[in-house]
Amino acid sequence: QVQLVESGGGLVQAGGSLRLSCAASETFLRATAMGWYRQVPGKPRESVATFTSGGSTSYANFVKGRFTISRDDAKNTVYLQMNSLKPEDTAVYYCYEHIAGRIYWGQGTQVTVSS
C-alpha cells in the first residue's frame, strides 16, 4: 500500500508563492505517472501537473508558466512550485501516483489565495 503525504499548503496573498511537497512511502520506480490534482467544493477534481514514466511533464493551461512540477527521487518526493498565485487557485491540492493500474492519493493540502 503506497502512502502519500502532502505538505506546504497555506494562506497566501494573490501574486505570492507556495511550494507543495508530496512524500511517498516507497520509490517512484513502479509509477507510470505521478503529479498533482486540485479540487474545489462542488466541482470535480482537475489535473494540474503530471510527470509521466518517461520523465516528461504536462501542465493544465490555467497554470502554464506559473507552476512547476519537480521531483527528488532520492527522497521519494514530488514538488509543485506555485508562483503568481491567483484567488482562483484556491483549492485542496492532492498528489497521486499511478502504479500498476491503480491510483493512490494523498490526503490533500489546502491552498487559499486571498485577493
N, C-alpha and C. Protein backbone atom coordinates (compact mmCIF):
# COMPACT_ATOMS: atom_id res chain seq x y z
N GLN A 1 0.85 -1.19 0.00
CA GLN A 1 0.00 0.00 0.00
C GLN A 1 0.89 1.25 0.00
N VAL A 2 0.79 2.04 -1.06
CA VAL A 2 1.58 3.25 -1.16
C VAL A 2 0.91 4.35 -0.35
N GLN A 3 1.69 5.06 0.42
CA GLN A 3 1.17 6.21 1.16
C GLN A 3 1.83 7.48 0.66
N LEU A 4 1.01 8.49 0.49
CA LEU A 4 1.47 9.79 0.02
C LEU A 4 1.06 10.84 1.04
N VAL A 5 1.99 11.70 1.41
CA VAL A 5 1.72 12.74 2.40
C VAL A 5 2.10 14.09 1.84
N GLU A 6 1.09 14.95 1.66
CA GLU A 6 1.34 16.30 1.16
C GLU A 6 1.62 17.26 2.30
N SER A 7 2.34 18.31 1.98
CA SER A 7 2.58 19.40 2.92
C SER A 7 2.87 20.67 2.13
N GLY A 8 2.82 21.81 2.83
CA GLY A 8 3.21 23.06 2.20
C GLY A 8 2.06 23.99 1.85
N GLY A 9 0.83 23.54 2.05
CA GLY A 9 -0.29 24.42 1.78
C GLY A 9 -0.39 25.52 2.79
N GLY A 10 -1.31 26.46 2.54
CA GLY A 10 -1.50 27.55 3.48
C GLY A 10 -2.22 28.70 2.84
N LEU A 11 -2.16 29.84 3.53
CA LEU A 11 -2.81 31.07 3.08
C LEU A 11 -1.75 32.01 2.52
N VAL A 12 -2.00 32.53 1.34
CA VAL A 12 -1.05 33.43 0.70
C VAL A 12 -1.83 34.51 -0.04
N GLN A 13 -1.24 35.68 -0.17
CA GLN A 13 -1.89 36.75 -0.93
C GLN A 13 -1.71 36.52 -2.42
N ALA A 14 -2.62 37.08 -3.19
CA ALA A 14 -2.51 37.00 -4.65
C ALA A 14 -1.15 37.54 -5.09
N GLY A 15 -0.54 36.83 -6.05
CA GLY A 15 0.78 37.18 -6.51
C GLY A 15 1.90 36.49 -5.77
N GLY A 16 1.57 35.84 -4.67
CA GLY A 16 2.57 35.15 -3.86
C GLY A 16 2.88 33.77 -4.38
N SER A 17 3.71 33.05 -3.60
CA SER A 17 4.18 31.72 -3.99
C SER A 17 4.04 30.74 -2.84
N LEU A 18 3.89 29.49 -3.21
CA LEU A 18 3.92 28.38 -2.27
C LEU A 18 4.60 27.19 -2.96
N ARG A 19 5.21 26.33 -2.16
CA ARG A 19 5.74 25.09 -2.70
C ARG A 19 5.12 23.92 -1.94
N LEU A 20 4.44 23.09 -2.67
CA LEU A 20 3.85 21.89 -2.09
C LEU A 20 4.82 20.73 -2.24
N SER A 21 4.80 19.86 -1.24
CA SER A 21 5.63 18.65 -1.27
C SER A 21 4.74 17.44 -1.10
N CYS A 22 5.14 16.34 -1.69
CA CYS A 22 4.41 15.07 -1.56
C CYS A 22 5.45 13.97 -1.35
N ALA A 23 5.48 13.45 -0.15
CA ALA A 23 6.44 12.40 0.18
C ALA A 23 5.77 11.04 0.04
N ALA A 24 6.40 10.15 -0.71
CA ALA A 24 5.86 8.81 -0.94
C ALA A 24 6.55 7.81 -0.02
N SER A 25 5.82 6.74 0.31
CA SER A 25 6.35 5.73 1.22
C SER A 25 7.29 4.74 0.53
N GLU A 26 7.39 4.84 -0.80
CA GLU A 26 8.30 3.95 -1.49
C GLU A 26 8.86 4.65 -2.72
N THR A 27 9.82 4.02 -3.35
CA THR A 27 10.44 4.58 -4.54
C THR A 27 9.43 4.80 -5.66
N PHE A 28 9.75 5.73 -6.55
CA PHE A 28 8.88 6.03 -7.68
C PHE A 28 9.06 5.07 -8.86
N LEU A 29 9.93 4.08 -8.71
CA LEU A 29 10.27 3.23 -9.85
C LEU A 29 9.07 2.53 -10.46
N ARG A 30 8.07 2.21 -9.65
CA ARG A 30 6.90 1.48 -10.17
C ARG A 30 5.85 2.40 -10.76
N ALA A 31 5.99 3.72 -10.58
CA ALA A 31 4.95 4.65 -11.01
C ALA A 31 4.99 4.86 -12.52
N THR A 32 3.84 4.80 -13.17
CA THR A 32 3.74 5.14 -14.58
C THR A 32 3.36 6.60 -14.77
N ALA A 33 2.87 7.22 -13.72
CA ALA A 33 2.58 8.65 -13.74
C ALA A 33 2.45 9.13 -12.30
N MET A 34 2.73 10.37 -12.09
CA MET A 34 2.53 11.00 -10.78
C MET A 34 2.34 12.48 -10.98
N GLY A 35 1.74 13.11 -10.00
CA GLY A 35 1.57 14.54 -10.14
C GLY A 35 0.57 15.10 -9.16
N TRP A 36 -0.09 16.16 -9.60
CA TRP A 36 -0.98 16.92 -8.72
C TRP A 36 -2.33 17.18 -9.38
N TYR A 37 -3.37 17.05 -8.59
CA TYR A 37 -4.72 17.47 -8.94
C TYR A 37 -5.15 18.50 -7.92
N ARG A 38 -6.25 19.17 -8.22
CA ARG A 38 -6.85 20.06 -7.24
C ARG A 38 -8.37 19.98 -7.33
N GLN A 39 -9.01 20.39 -6.24
CA GLN A 39 -10.46 20.30 -6.19
C GLN A 39 -11.03 21.39 -5.32
N VAL A 40 -12.09 22.02 -5.82
CA VAL A 40 -12.86 22.96 -5.02
C VAL A 40 -14.22 22.33 -4.75
N PRO A 41 -14.86 22.72 -3.65
CA PRO A 41 -16.15 22.11 -3.30
C PRO A 41 -17.16 22.25 -4.43
N GLY A 42 -17.85 21.15 -4.72
CA GLY A 42 -18.89 21.18 -5.74
C GLY A 42 -18.40 20.99 -7.15
N LYS A 43 -17.08 20.85 -7.32
CA LYS A 43 -16.53 20.66 -8.66
C LYS A 43 -15.69 19.40 -8.71
N PRO A 44 -15.54 18.81 -9.90
CA PRO A 44 -14.70 17.61 -9.99
C PRO A 44 -13.22 17.94 -9.81
N ARG A 45 -12.49 16.92 -9.41
CA ARG A 45 -11.04 17.08 -9.28
C ARG A 45 -10.45 17.31 -10.67
N GLU A 46 -9.49 18.24 -10.78
CA GLU A 46 -8.89 18.55 -12.07
C GLU A 46 -7.38 18.43 -12.01
N SER A 47 -6.81 17.96 -13.11
CA SER A 47 -5.37 17.78 -13.18
C SER A 47 -4.67 19.13 -13.24
N VAL A 48 -3.56 19.23 -12.53
CA VAL A 48 -2.77 20.46 -12.50
C VAL A 48 -1.44 20.23 -13.22
N ALA A 49 -0.69 19.22 -12.82
CA ALA A 49 0.63 18.96 -13.39
C ALA A 49 0.96 17.49 -13.23
N THR A 50 1.67 16.95 -14.22
CA THR A 50 1.91 15.50 -14.26
C THR A 50 3.32 15.19 -14.73
N PHE A 51 3.91 14.16 -14.11
CA PHE A 51 5.11 13.51 -14.62
C PHE A 51 4.68 12.17 -15.22
N THR A 52 5.15 11.86 -16.42
CA THR A 52 4.92 10.53 -16.97
C THR A 52 6.13 9.64 -16.66
N SER A 53 5.98 8.35 -16.95
CA SER A 53 7.07 7.43 -16.66
C SER A 53 8.31 7.74 -17.47
N GLY A 54 8.13 8.38 -18.62
CA GLY A 54 9.27 8.76 -19.43
C GLY A 54 9.98 10.01 -18.94
N GLY A 55 9.41 10.63 -17.90
CA GLY A 55 10.03 11.81 -17.32
C GLY A 55 9.55 13.12 -17.90
N SER A 56 8.65 13.05 -18.88
CA SER A 56 8.12 14.30 -19.43
C SER A 56 7.07 14.87 -18.48
N THR A 57 6.80 16.15 -18.65
CA THR A 57 5.83 16.83 -17.80
C THR A 57 4.72 17.44 -18.65
N SER A 58 3.58 17.60 -18.03
CA SER A 58 2.49 18.30 -18.68
C SER A 58 1.76 19.13 -17.64
N TYR A 59 1.18 20.22 -18.11
CA TYR A 59 0.51 21.17 -17.23
C TYR A 59 -0.86 21.54 -17.77
N ALA A 60 -1.77 21.81 -16.87
CA ALA A 60 -3.04 22.38 -17.27
C ALA A 60 -2.80 23.79 -17.81
N ASN A 61 -3.61 24.19 -18.77
CA ASN A 61 -3.41 25.51 -19.38
C ASN A 61 -3.48 26.63 -18.34
N PHE A 62 -4.30 26.43 -17.32
CA PHE A 62 -4.52 27.52 -16.37
C PHE A 62 -3.34 27.70 -15.41
N VAL A 63 -2.32 26.83 -15.45
CA VAL A 63 -1.15 27.01 -14.59
C VAL A 63 0.14 27.13 -15.39
N LYS A 64 0.10 26.99 -16.70
CA LYS A 64 1.31 27.05 -17.50
C LYS A 64 2.02 28.39 -17.31
N GLY A 65 3.31 28.30 -17.09
CA GLY A 65 4.10 29.50 -16.89
C GLY A 65 4.11 29.98 -15.45
N ARG A 66 3.25 29.40 -14.60
CA ARG A 66 3.20 29.82 -13.19
C ARG A 66 3.61 28.69 -12.24
N PHE A 67 3.24 27.48 -12.56
CA PHE A 67 3.52 26.33 -11.69
C PHE A 67 4.59 25.45 -12.33
N THR A 68 5.40 24.83 -11.48
CA THR A 68 6.44 23.91 -11.95
C THR A 68 6.43 22.66 -11.09
N ILE A 69 6.34 21.51 -11.76
CA ILE A 69 6.42 20.24 -11.04
C ILE A 69 7.87 19.74 -11.11
N SER A 70 8.33 19.19 -10.01
CA SER A 70 9.69 18.63 -9.97
C SER A 70 9.69 17.44 -9.02
N ARG A 71 10.80 16.73 -8.98
CA ARG A 71 10.87 15.54 -8.14
C ARG A 71 12.28 15.31 -7.66
N ASP A 72 12.38 14.68 -6.52
CA ASP A 72 13.66 14.26 -5.96
C ASP A 72 13.53 12.76 -5.70
N ASP A 73 14.07 11.95 -6.58
CA ASP A 73 13.91 10.50 -6.45
C ASP A 73 14.63 9.95 -5.22
N ALA A 74 15.68 10.62 -4.81
CA ALA A 74 16.41 10.15 -3.63
C ALA A 74 15.56 10.30 -2.37
N LYS A 75 14.63 11.25 -2.40
CA LYS A 75 13.76 11.49 -1.24
C LYS A 75 12.35 10.97 -1.48
N ASN A 76 12.11 10.35 -2.63
CA ASN A 76 10.75 9.87 -2.97
C ASN A 76 9.73 11.00 -2.81
N THR A 77 10.08 12.16 -3.30
CA THR A 77 9.24 13.34 -3.10
C THR A 77 9.02 14.06 -4.42
N VAL A 78 7.80 14.48 -4.65
CA VAL A 78 7.46 15.31 -5.80
C VAL A 78 6.99 16.66 -5.27
N TYR A 79 7.31 17.70 -6.00
CA TYR A 79 7.02 19.06 -5.57
C TYR A 79 6.14 19.78 -6.59
N LEU A 80 5.47 20.80 -6.12
CA LEU A 80 4.75 21.71 -7.00
C LEU A 80 5.07 23.12 -6.56
N GLN A 81 5.89 23.80 -7.34
CA GLN A 81 6.19 25.21 -7.07
C GLN A 81 5.12 26.06 -7.74
N MET A 82 4.45 26.85 -6.94
CA MET A 82 3.34 27.67 -7.44
C MET A 82 3.69 29.13 -7.27
N ASN A 83 3.82 29.83 -8.38
CA ASN A 83 4.13 31.25 -8.37
C ASN A 83 2.97 32.05 -8.95
N SER A 84 2.99 33.34 -8.72
CA SER A 84 1.95 34.24 -9.25
C SER A 84 0.56 33.69 -8.96
N LEU A 85 0.35 33.31 -7.73
CA LEU A 85 -0.92 32.68 -7.36
C LEU A 85 -2.08 33.65 -7.50
N LYS A 86 -3.22 33.10 -7.88
CA LYS A 86 -4.45 33.86 -8.08
C LYS A 86 -5.53 33.34 -7.13
N PRO A 87 -6.51 34.15 -6.79
CA PRO A 87 -7.59 33.66 -5.93
C PRO A 87 -8.26 32.40 -6.49
N GLU A 88 -8.34 32.29 -7.80
CA GLU A 88 -8.97 31.12 -8.40
C GLU A 88 -8.12 29.84 -8.27
N ASP A 89 -6.91 29.97 -7.76
CA ASP A 89 -6.09 28.79 -7.48
C ASP A 89 -6.46 28.17 -6.13
N THR A 90 -7.32 28.83 -5.38
CA THR A 90 -7.75 28.30 -4.09
C THR A 90 -8.42 26.95 -4.27
N ALA A 91 -7.92 25.95 -3.57
CA ALA A 91 -8.42 24.58 -3.71
C ALA A 91 -7.69 23.68 -2.73
N VAL A 92 -8.17 22.45 -2.62
CA VAL A 92 -7.39 21.40 -1.96
C VAL A 92 -6.56 20.72 -3.04
N TYR A 93 -5.27 20.64 -2.81
CA TYR A 93 -4.35 20.05 -3.77
C TYR A 93 -3.97 18.64 -3.31
N TYR A 94 -4.10 17.70 -4.25
CA TYR A 94 -3.82 16.29 -3.97
C TYR A 94 -2.68 15.81 -4.87
N CYS A 95 -1.76 15.07 -4.29
CA CYS A 95 -0.79 14.39 -5.14
C CYS A 95 -1.26 12.97 -5.37
N TYR A 96 -0.75 12.36 -6.43
CA TYR A 96 -1.15 10.99 -6.76
C TYR A 96 0.00 10.26 -7.42
N GLU A 97 -0.11 8.93 -7.39
CA GLU A 97 0.77 8.06 -8.15
C GLU A 97 -0.07 7.01 -8.84
N HIS A 98 0.26 6.72 -10.08
CA HIS A 98 -0.42 5.69 -10.85
C HIS A 98 0.53 4.49 -10.93
N ILE A 99 0.16 3.41 -10.26
CA ILE A 99 1.03 2.24 -10.19
C ILE A 99 0.21 1.01 -10.53
N ALA A 100 0.62 0.29 -11.57
CA ALA A 100 0.01 -0.99 -11.93
C ALA A 100 -1.51 -0.89 -12.02
N GLY A 101 -1.98 0.13 -12.70
CA GLY A 101 -3.40 0.26 -12.94
C GLY A 101 -4.20 0.82 -11.78
N ARG A 102 -3.55 1.23 -10.74
CA ARG A 102 -4.24 1.77 -9.58
C ARG A 102 -3.69 3.16 -9.27
N ILE A 103 -4.58 4.04 -8.83
CA ILE A 103 -4.17 5.39 -8.46
C ILE A 103 -4.21 5.53 -6.95
N TYR A 104 -3.11 5.99 -6.40
CA TYR A 104 -3.01 6.26 -4.97
C TYR A 104 -3.05 7.78 -4.77
N TRP A 105 -3.79 8.22 -3.76
CA TRP A 105 -3.95 9.64 -3.47
C TRP A 105 -3.41 9.99 -2.09
N GLY A 106 -2.91 11.21 -1.99
CA GLY A 106 -2.60 11.74 -0.68
C GLY A 106 -3.85 12.29 -0.03
N GLN A 107 -3.71 12.82 1.18
CA GLN A 107 -4.88 13.30 1.92
C GLN A 107 -5.29 14.71 1.52
N GLY A 108 -4.44 15.40 0.78
CA GLY A 108 -4.75 16.74 0.32
C GLY A 108 -4.20 17.81 1.24
N THR A 109 -3.89 18.96 0.65
CA THR A 109 -3.44 20.12 1.42
C THR A 109 -4.16 21.35 0.89
N GLN A 110 -4.67 22.16 1.80
CA GLN A 110 -5.46 23.33 1.41
C GLN A 110 -4.55 24.48 1.01
N VAL A 111 -4.87 25.07 -0.13
CA VAL A 111 -4.21 26.30 -0.59
C VAL A 111 -5.29 27.37 -0.71
N THR A 112 -5.09 28.47 -0.02
CA THR A 112 -6.03 29.58 -0.06
C THR A 112 -5.30 30.83 -0.50
N VAL A 113 -5.79 31.46 -1.56
CA VAL A 113 -5.16 32.67 -2.09
C VAL A 113 -6.14 33.82 -1.89
N SER A 114 -5.72 34.80 -1.12
CA SER A 114 -6.58 35.95 -0.84
C SER A 114 -6.33 37.07 -1.86
N SER A 115 -7.37 37.80 -2.13
CA SER A 115 -7.25 38.89 -3.13
C SER A 115 -6.84 40.19 -2.48
